[in-house]
C-alpha atoms as a PDB file:
ATOM      1  CA  MET A   1       9.028  38.043 -27.051  1.00  0.00           C
ATOM      2  CA  LEU A   2       7.150  35.913 -24.818  1.00  0.00           C
ATOM      3  CA  GLY A   3       8.724  32.772 -23.918  1.00  0.00           C
ATOM      4  CA  GLU A   4      12.124  33.999 -25.648  1.00  0.00           C
ATOM      5  CA  GLY A   5      13.765  32.607 -22.136  1.00  0.00           C
ATOM      6  CA  ILE A   6      12.267  29.292 -21.935  1.00  0.00           C
ATOM      7  CA  LEU A   7      13.450  28.855 -25.964  1.00  0.00           C
ATOM      8  CA  LYS A   8      17.154  29.742 -24.731  1.00  0.00           C
ATOM      9  CA  GLY A   9      16.902  27.211 -22.056  1.00  0.00           C
ATOM     10  CA  LEU A  10      15.537  24.396 -24.040  1.00  0.00           C
ATOM     11  CA  ALA A  11      18.119  25.415 -26.886  1.00  0.00           C
ATOM     12  CA  GLU A  12      21.165  25.081 -24.280  1.00  0.00           C
ATOM     13  CA  THR A  13      19.656  21.772 -22.884  1.00  0.00           C
ATOM     14  CA  ALA A  14      19.507  20.373 -26.417  1.00  0.00           C
ATOM     15  CA  LYS A  15      22.997  21.627 -27.021  1.00  0.00           C
ATOM     16  CA  ASN A  16      24.561  19.853 -23.783  1.00  0.00           C
ATOM     17  CA  PHE A  17      22.330  16.576 -24.396  1.00  0.00           C
ATOM     18  CA  ALA A  18      23.695  16.269 -28.211  1.00  0.00           C
ATOM     19  CA  GLY A  19      27.421  17.410 -26.918  1.00  0.00           C
ATOM     20  CA  SER A  20      27.103  14.434 -24.375  1.00  0.00           C
ATOM     21  CA  PHE A  21      27.521  11.966 -27.256  1.00  0.00           C
ATOM     22  CA  VAL A  22      30.615  13.459 -29.053  1.00  0.00           C
ATOM     23  CA  SER A  23      32.563  15.303 -26.510  1.00  0.00           C
ATOM     24  CA  LYS A  24      35.251  13.429 -24.986  1.00  0.00           C
ATOM     25  CA  GLU A  25      35.027  15.753 -22.072  1.00  0.00           C
ATOM     26  CA  ARG A  26      31.352  14.982 -21.416  1.00  0.00           C
ATOM     27  CA  LEU A  27      31.797  11.155 -21.793  1.00  0.00           C
ATOM     28  CA  THR A  28      31.815  10.321 -17.802  1.00  0.00           C
ATOM     29  CA  THR A  29      30.436   6.684 -18.184  1.00  0.00           C
ATOM     30  CA  VAL A  30      33.359   4.445 -17.651  1.00  0.00           C
ATOM     31  CA  GLU A  31      33.650   0.672 -17.548  1.00  0.00           C
ATOM     32  CA  TYR A  32      33.753   0.107 -13.662  1.00  0.00           C
ATOM     33  CA  PRO A  33      35.668  -1.829 -12.268  1.00  0.00           C
ATOM     34  CA  GLU A  34      38.132  -2.258 -15.481  1.00  0.00           C
ATOM     35  CA  GLU A  35      38.035   1.672 -15.592  1.00  0.00           C
ATOM     36  CA  ARG A  36      38.023   3.927 -12.562  1.00  0.00           C
ATOM     37  CA  ILE A  37      37.728   7.849 -12.194  1.00  0.00           C
ATOM     38  CA  ALA A  38      39.965   9.264  -9.814  1.00  0.00           C
ATOM     39  CA  PRO A  39      38.367  10.968  -6.656  1.00  0.00           C
ATOM     40  CA  VAL A  40      38.566  14.495  -6.421  1.00  0.00           C
ATOM     41  CA  GLU A  41      40.488  15.987  -3.254  1.00  0.00           C
ATOM     42  CA  ALA A  42      36.959  17.152  -1.364  1.00  0.00           C
ATOM     43  CA  ALA A  43      35.476  13.488  -1.634  1.00  0.00           C
ATOM     44  CA  ARG A  44      34.666  12.135   1.626  1.00  0.00           C
ATOM     45  CA  VAL A  45      33.145   8.626   2.461  1.00  0.00           C
ATOM     46  CA  PHE A  46      33.962   7.424   5.963  1.00  0.00           C
ATOM     47  CA  PRO A  47      36.077   8.721   8.650  1.00  0.00           C
ATOM     48  CA  PHE A  48      40.062   7.099   9.548  1.00  0.00           C
ATOM     49  CA  LEU A  49      42.426   7.929  12.064  1.00  0.00           C
ATOM     50  CA  ILE A  50      45.783   9.488  11.371  1.00  0.00           C
ATOM     51  CA  TYR A  51      49.140   8.358  12.990  1.00  0.00           C
ATOM     52  CA  ASP A  52      52.611   9.658  12.590  1.00  0.00           C
ATOM     53  CA  GLY A  53      55.876   7.645  12.199  1.00  0.00           C
ATOM     54  CA  SER A  54      55.988   3.895  11.493  1.00  0.00           C
ATOM     55  CA  ASP A  55      54.068   2.534  14.339  1.00  0.00           C
ATOM     56  CA  TRP A  56      50.402   3.107  14.397  1.00  0.00           C
ATOM     57  CA  GLU A  57      49.647   2.738  17.896  1.00  0.00           C
ATOM     58  CA  LYS A  58      52.503   4.902  19.295  1.00  0.00           C
ATOM     59  CA  GLY A  59      52.327   7.290  16.683  1.00  0.00           C
ATOM     60  CA  MET A  60      47.968   7.725  16.709  1.00  0.00           C
ATOM     61  CA  ARG A  61      47.149  11.701  17.176  1.00  0.00           C
ATOM     62  CA  CYS A  62      43.880  10.490  19.102  1.00  0.00           C
ATOM     63  CA  VAL A  63      43.997  11.310  22.819  1.00  0.00           C
ATOM     64  CA  ALA A  64      40.611   9.911  23.705  1.00  0.00           C
ATOM     65  CA  CYS A  65      39.076  13.352  24.336  1.00  0.00           C
ATOM     66  CA  GLN A  66      35.555  11.535  23.228  1.00  0.00           C
ATOM     67  CA  ILE A  67      34.286  15.011  21.673  1.00  0.00           C
ATOM     68  CA  CYS A  68      33.687  13.115  18.485  1.00  0.00           C
ATOM     69  CA  GLU A  69      31.710  10.286  20.503  1.00  0.00           C
ATOM     70  CA  LYS A  70      29.643  13.077  21.742  1.00  0.00           C
ATOM     71  CA  GLU A  71      28.984  15.096  18.744  1.00  0.00           C
ATOM     72  CA  CYS A  72      28.420  12.192  16.457  1.00  0.00           C
ATOM     73  CA  PRO A  73      24.758  12.766  15.156  1.00  0.00           C
ATOM     74  CA  PRO A  74      23.946   8.650  14.519  1.00  0.00           C
ATOM     75  CA  LYS A  75      26.344   7.746  17.543  1.00  0.00           C
ATOM     76  CA  CYS A  76      28.463   5.404  15.327  1.00  0.00           C
ATOM     77  CA  ILE A  77      31.752   6.020  17.295  1.00  0.00           C
ATOM     78  CA  TYR A  78      32.563   4.304  20.652  1.00  0.00           C
ATOM     79  CA  ILE A  79      35.612   5.324  22.665  1.00  0.00           C
ATOM     80  CA  GLU A  80      37.150   3.674  25.524  1.00  0.00           C
ATOM     81  CA  LYS A  81      40.311   5.827  27.363  1.00  0.00           C
ATOM     82  CA  SER A  82      43.582   4.301  28.357  1.00  0.00           C
ATOM     83  CA  LYS A  83      44.859   4.104  32.004  1.00  0.00           C
ATOM     84  CA  ASP A  84      48.466   5.219  31.196  1.00  0.00           C
ATOM     85  CA  LYS A  85      49.671   8.126  29.165  1.00  0.00           C
ATOM     86  CA  LYS A  86      51.926   8.324  26.200  1.00  0.00           C
ATOM     87  CA  PRO A  87      53.809  11.461  24.524  1.00  0.00           C
ATOM     88  CA  ASP A  88      51.331  13.542  22.006  1.00  0.00           C
ATOM     89  CA  PHE A  89      53.040  15.230  18.845  1.00  0.00           C
ATOM     90  CA  VAL A  90      54.349  18.025  21.303  1.00  0.00           C
ATOM     91  CA  GLY A  91      55.741  15.519  23.708  1.00  0.00           C
ATOM     92  CA  LYS A  92      53.076  16.153  26.401  1.00  0.00           C
ATOM     93  CA  PRO A  93      51.787  13.052  28.063  1.00  0.00           C
ATOM     94  CA  GLN A  94      48.350  12.217  26.859  1.00  0.00           C
ATOM     95  CA  ILE A  95      45.758   9.698  27.502  1.00  0.00           C
ATOM     96  CA  TYR A  96      45.272   7.928  23.986  1.00  0.00           C
ATOM     97  CA  PRO A  97      42.256   5.324  22.920  1.00  0.00           C
ATOM     98  CA  ALA A  98      42.424   1.873  24.197  1.00  0.00           C
ATOM     99  CA  LYS A  99      39.452   1.275  22.044  1.00  0.00           C
ATOM    100  CA  PHE A 100      37.972   3.200  19.102  1.00  0.00           C
ATOM    101  CA  ASP A 101      35.404   1.620  17.026  1.00  0.00           C
ATOM    102  CA  ILE A 102      33.091   3.212  14.075  1.00  0.00           C
ATOM    103  CA  ASP A 103      30.106   1.669  12.826  1.00  0.00           C
ATOM    104  CA  ILE A 104      30.212   2.529   9.219  1.00  0.00           C
ATOM    105  CA  SER A 105      26.857   0.909   8.521  1.00  0.00           C
ATOM    106  CA  VAL A 106      25.484   3.726  10.570  1.00  0.00           C
ATOM    107  CA  CYS A 107      27.961   6.718   9.818  1.00  0.00           C
ATOM    108  CA  MET A 108      26.380   9.322   7.597  1.00  0.00           C
ATOM    109  CA  SER A 109      29.459  10.926   6.341  1.00  0.00           C
ATOM    110  CA  CYS A 110      28.547  13.972   7.728  1.00  0.00           C
ATOM    111  CA  GLN A 111      32.097  15.147   8.826  1.00  0.00           C
ATOM    112  CA  ILE A 112      31.192  16.507  12.168  1.00  0.00           C
ATOM    113  CA  CYS A 113      33.796  14.311  13.916  1.00  0.00           C
ATOM    114  CA  VAL A 114      36.411  16.008  11.607  1.00  0.00           C
ATOM    115  CA  GLU A 115      35.236  19.374  12.496  1.00  0.00           C
ATOM    116  CA  VAL A 116      35.171  18.910  16.365  1.00  0.00           C
ATOM    117  CA  CYS A 117      38.607  17.111  16.515  1.00  0.00           C
ATOM    118  CA  PRO A 118      40.973  19.652  18.099  1.00  0.00           C
ATOM    119  CA  PHE A 119      44.135  17.306  17.489  1.00  0.00           C
ATOM    120  CA  GLU A 120      43.772  17.065  13.863  1.00  0.00           C
ATOM    121  CA  ALA A 121      43.488  13.126  14.516  1.00  0.00           C
ATOM    122  CA  ILE A 122      40.323  12.152  12.474  1.00  0.00           C
ATOM    123  CA  LYS A 123      39.822  12.768   8.733  1.00  0.00           C
ATOM    124  CA  MET A 124      37.591  11.905   6.188  1.00  0.00           C
ATOM    125  CA  ASP A 125      38.866   8.966   3.533  1.00  0.00           C
ATOM    126  CA  ASN A 126      37.752   8.497  -0.044  1.00  0.00           C
ATOM    127  CA  GLU A 127      37.637   4.688  -0.262  1.00  0.00           C
ATOM    128  CA  PHE A 128      34.397   3.572  -0.995  1.00  0.00           C
ATOM    129  CA  GLU A 129      34.702  -0.114  -1.722  1.00  0.00           C
ATOM    130  CA  LEU A 130      33.954  -1.536   1.503  1.00  0.00           C
ATOM    131  CA  ALA A 131      30.856  -3.772   0.714  1.00  0.00           C
ATOM    132  CA  THR A 132      31.115  -7.340   2.831  1.00  0.00           C
ATOM    133  CA  ASP A 133      28.928 -10.451   3.278  1.00  0.00           C
ATOM    134  CA  ASP A 134      29.486  -9.791   7.278  1.00  0.00           C
ATOM    135  CA  ARG A 135      26.456  -7.682   8.103  1.00  0.00           C
ATOM    136  CA  PHE A 136      27.942  -6.691  11.684  1.00  0.00           C
ATOM    137  CA  GLY A 137      31.271  -7.476  12.212  1.00  0.00           C
ATOM    138  CA  GLY A 138      32.686  -6.738   8.508  1.00  0.00           C
ATOM    139  CA  LEU A 139      30.989  -3.131   9.072  1.00  0.00           C
ATOM    140  CA  LEU A 140      32.353  -2.416  12.647  1.00  0.00           C
ATOM    141  CA  LEU A 141      35.887  -0.954  12.271  1.00  0.00           C
ATOM    142  CA  ASP A 142      38.289  -0.980  15.200  1.00  0.00           C
ATOM    143  CA  ARG A 143      41.249   1.407  15.882  1.00  0.00           C
ATOM    144  CA  LYS A 144      43.895  -0.640  13.914  1.00  0.00           C
ATOM    145  CA  GLN A 145      41.751  -1.005  11.005  1.00  0.00           C
ATOM    146  CA  LEU A 146      40.970   2.876  11.113  1.00  0.00           C
ATOM    147  CA  ALA A 147      44.658   4.012  11.428  1.00  0.00           C
ATOM    148  CA  LYS A 148      46.262   5.280   8.621  1.00  0.00           C
ATOM    149  CA  PRO A 149      49.753   7.125   8.204  1.00  0.00           C
ATOM    150  CA  ASN A 150      49.882  10.934   7.798  1.00  0.00           C
ATOM    151  CA  GLU A 151      51.690  10.060   4.389  1.00  0.00           C
ATOM    152  CA  TYR A 152      48.041   8.562   3.100  1.00  0.00           C
ATOM    153  CA  TYR A 153      46.474  11.549   4.266  1.00  0.00           C
ATOM    154  CA  HIS A 154      48.827  13.596   2.077  1.00  0.00           C
ATOM    155  CA  LYS A 155      48.095  11.361  -0.729  1.00  0.00           C
ATOM    156  CA  ILE A 156      44.246  11.672  -0.733  1.00  0.00           C
ATOM    157  CA  HIS A 157      43.873  15.109   0.538  1.00  0.00           C
ATOM    158  CA  PRO A 158      47.376  17.179  -0.407  1.00  0.00           C
ATOM    159  CA  THR A 159      46.248  20.649   0.056  1.00  0.00           C
ATOM    160  CA  GLU A 160      44.284  20.073   3.280  1.00  0.00           C
ATOM    161  CA  ALA A 161      47.001  17.942   4.824  1.00  0.00           C
ATOM    162  CA  ALA A 162      49.905  20.515   4.328  1.00  0.00           C
ATOM    163  CA  ALA A 163      47.899  23.035   5.994  1.00  0.00           C
ATOM    164  CA  VAL A 164      47.544  20.899   9.001  1.00  0.00           C
ATOM    165  CA  ASP A 165      51.141  19.991   9.152  1.00  0.00           C
ATOM    166  CA  ALA A 166      51.988  23.611   9.032  1.00  0.00           C
ATOM    167  CA  LYS A 167      49.618  24.180  11.888  1.00  0.00           C
ATOM    168  CA  LEU A 168      50.908  21.320  14.029  1.00  0.00           C
ATOM    169  CA  ALA A 169      54.440  22.316  13.405  1.00  0.00           C
ATOM    170  CA  GLU A 170      53.728  25.969  14.652  1.00  0.00           C
ATOM    171  CA  GLU A 171      51.949  24.643  17.582  1.00  0.00           C
ATOM    172  CA  LYS A 172      54.957  22.308  18.355  1.00  0.00           C
ATOM    173  CA  ALA A 173      57.440  25.105  17.866  1.00  0.00           C
ATOM    174  CA  LYS A 174      55.578  27.380  20.331  1.00  0.00           C
ATOM    175  CA  ALA A 175      55.500  24.414  22.875  1.00  0.00           C
ATOM    176  CA  GLU A 176      59.034  23.890  22.678  1.00  0.00           C
ATOM    177  CA  ALA A 177      59.795  27.874  22.946  1.00  0.00           C
ATOM    178  CA  LYS A 178      57.582  27.923  25.941  1.00  0.00           C
ATOM    179  CA  ALA A 179      59.764  25.077  27.411  1.00  0.00           C
ATOM    180  CA  LYS A 180      63.015  26.731  26.768  1.00  0.00           C
ATOM    181  CA  ALA A 181      61.606  29.613  28.278  1.00  0.00           C
ATOM    182  CA  ASP A 182      60.393  27.948  31.485  1.00  0.00           C
ATOM    183  CA  ALA A 183      63.866  25.991  31.973  1.00  0.00           C
ATOM    184  CA  ALA A 184      65.878  29.485  31.333  1.00  0.00           C
ATOM    185  CA  ALA A 185      63.703  31.056  34.035  1.00  0.00           C
ATOM    186  CA  LYS A 186      64.118  28.363  36.601  1.00  0.00           C
ATOM    187  CA  ALA A 187      67.871  28.289  35.877  1.00  0.00           C
ATOM    188  CA  LYS A 188      67.824  31.903  36.374  1.00  0.00           C
ATOM    189  CA  THR A 189      65.797  31.626  39.704  1.00  0.00           C
ATOM    190  CA  ALA A 190      68.272  29.043  40.946  1.00  0.00           C
ATOM    191  CA  ALA A 191      71.213  31.138  39.788  1.00  0.00           C
ATOM    192  CA  ASP A 192      69.850  34.029  41.799  1.00  0.00           C
ATOM    193  CA  ALA A 193      69.264  31.991  44.930  1.00  0.00           C
ATOM    194  CA  ALA A 194      72.980  30.695  44.668  1.00  0.00           C
ATOM    195  CA  ALA A 195      74.406  33.945  44.693  1.00  0.00           C
ATOM    196  CA  LYS A 196      72.445  35.463  47.584  1.00  0.00           C
ATOM    197  CA  ALA A 197      73.377  32.577  49.516  1.00  0.00           C
ATOM    198  CA  ALA A 198      76.812  33.256  48.542  1.00  0.00           C
ATOM    199  CA  SER A 199      76.613  37.002  49.246  1.00  0.00           C
ATOM    200  CA  ALA A 200      74.876  36.300  53.074  1.00  0.00           C
ATOM    201  CA  PRO A 201      77.238  37.154  55.905  1.00  0.00           C
ATOM    202  CA  LYS A 202      78.962  33.875  57.379  1.00  0.00           C
ATOM    203  CA  THR A 203      78.387  32.620  60.712  1.00  0.00           C
ATOM    204  CA  PRO A 204      81.320  33.052  63.117  1.00  0.00           C
ATOM    205  CA  GLU A 205      83.242  29.904  64.104  1.00  0.00           C
ATOM    206  CA  GLY A 206      81.974  28.117  66.943  1.00  0.00           C
ATOM    207  CA  GLY A 207      78.560  30.088  67.112  1.00  0.00           C
ATOM    208  CA  THR A 208      75.298  30.642  65.344  1.00  0.00           C
ATOM    209  CA  GLY A 209      75.767  33.863  64.612  1.00  0.00           C
ATOM    210  CA  THR A 210      72.909  35.102  66.781  1.00  0.00           C
ATOM    211  CA  PRO A 211      73.268  35.110  70.472  1.00  0.00           C
ATOM    212  CA  THR A 212      70.636  33.441  72.568  1.00  0.00           C
ATOM    213  CA  SER A 213      68.781  34.617  75.503  1.00  0.00           C
ATOM    214  CA  GLU A 214      70.864  32.213  77.620  1.00  0.00           C
ATOM    215  CA  ALA A 215      74.258  33.647  76.106  1.00  0.00           C
ATOM    216  CA  THR A 216      73.213  37.074  77.203  1.00  0.00           C
ATOM    217  CA  LYS A 217      72.092  36.409  80.624  1.00  0.00           C
ATOM    218  CA  PRO A 218      74.870  38.119  83.378  1.00  0.00           C
ATOM    219  CA  PRO A 219      76.884  35.498  84.927  1.00  0.00           C
ATOM    220  CA  GLU A 220      75.430  34.259  88.577  1.00  0.00           C
ATOM    221  CA  PRO A 221      77.757  35.154  91.718  1.00  0.00           C
ATOM    222  CA  ALA A 222      79.422  32.371  93.501  1.00  0.00           C
ATOM    223  CA  ALA A 223      78.227  30.888  96.535  1.00  0.00           C
ATOM    224  CA  LYS A 224      80.071  31.874  99.437  1.00  0.00           C
ATOM    225  CA  SER A 225      81.750  28.975 101.479  1.00  0.00           C
ATOM    226  CA  THR A 226      81.537  28.988 105.237  1.00  0.00           C
ATOM    227  CA  PRO A 227      84.623  28.457 107.254  1.00  0.00           C
ATOM    228  CA  LYS A 228      85.087  25.866 109.517  1.00  0.00           C
ATOM    229  CA  THR A 229      85.973  26.510 113.236  1.00  0.00           C
ATOM    230  CA  GLU A 230      88.341  24.546 114.888  1.00  0.00           C
ATOM    231  CA  GLY A 231      86.850  21.811 116.967  1.00  0.00           C
ATOM    232  CA  GLY A 232      83.562  22.015 115.513  1.00  0.00           C
ATOM    233  CA  ASP A 233      81.344  19.234 113.830  1.00  0.00           C
END
């Protein structure tokens, strides 16, 4: 029948329209801000920086590689490298960001910074209530404002955070195993060198062990003395 598909589509639309007024599952409107809908795990708004432990500055994962700054399409990230270094999550000394700013008035929430970060240091937040009357300073977030603990990351993105932690733990275990293997190899090399030195022939007492050219020269004949004549000078 001509137009049967159109009629089925209209019927489905009418069914959903009517159901939205009576079905509790379809009543998605809430009295905000008194009522709130919990954001889904995949929700993303603006980036934040992850740190491990209780100290946001010492535990920050970011090593100021500046990849996110270079890849950011609207160029809303600004990073300054530190002059010194601190240990990262595997104990390797790394540079850290002395300055890390994000202008959220420019950020387009594209998540490219998250995708390109090799250290799992920057992730997307789901906090959206960021309105302010300060047009410039209030929308420019520094590293202290951006820093949030790993526990917060687990709270808003539990599945993703668990996978990231497993990956970082595996990398740390590999680094520790490599360090142990290197230490064992160095110890073995030192032990072999000591054993070789102990088995080497000892130098005879009073000599160097290898005769020199002076020592192998034949002795020179003694000079003959001329006998004095009686009555001579």
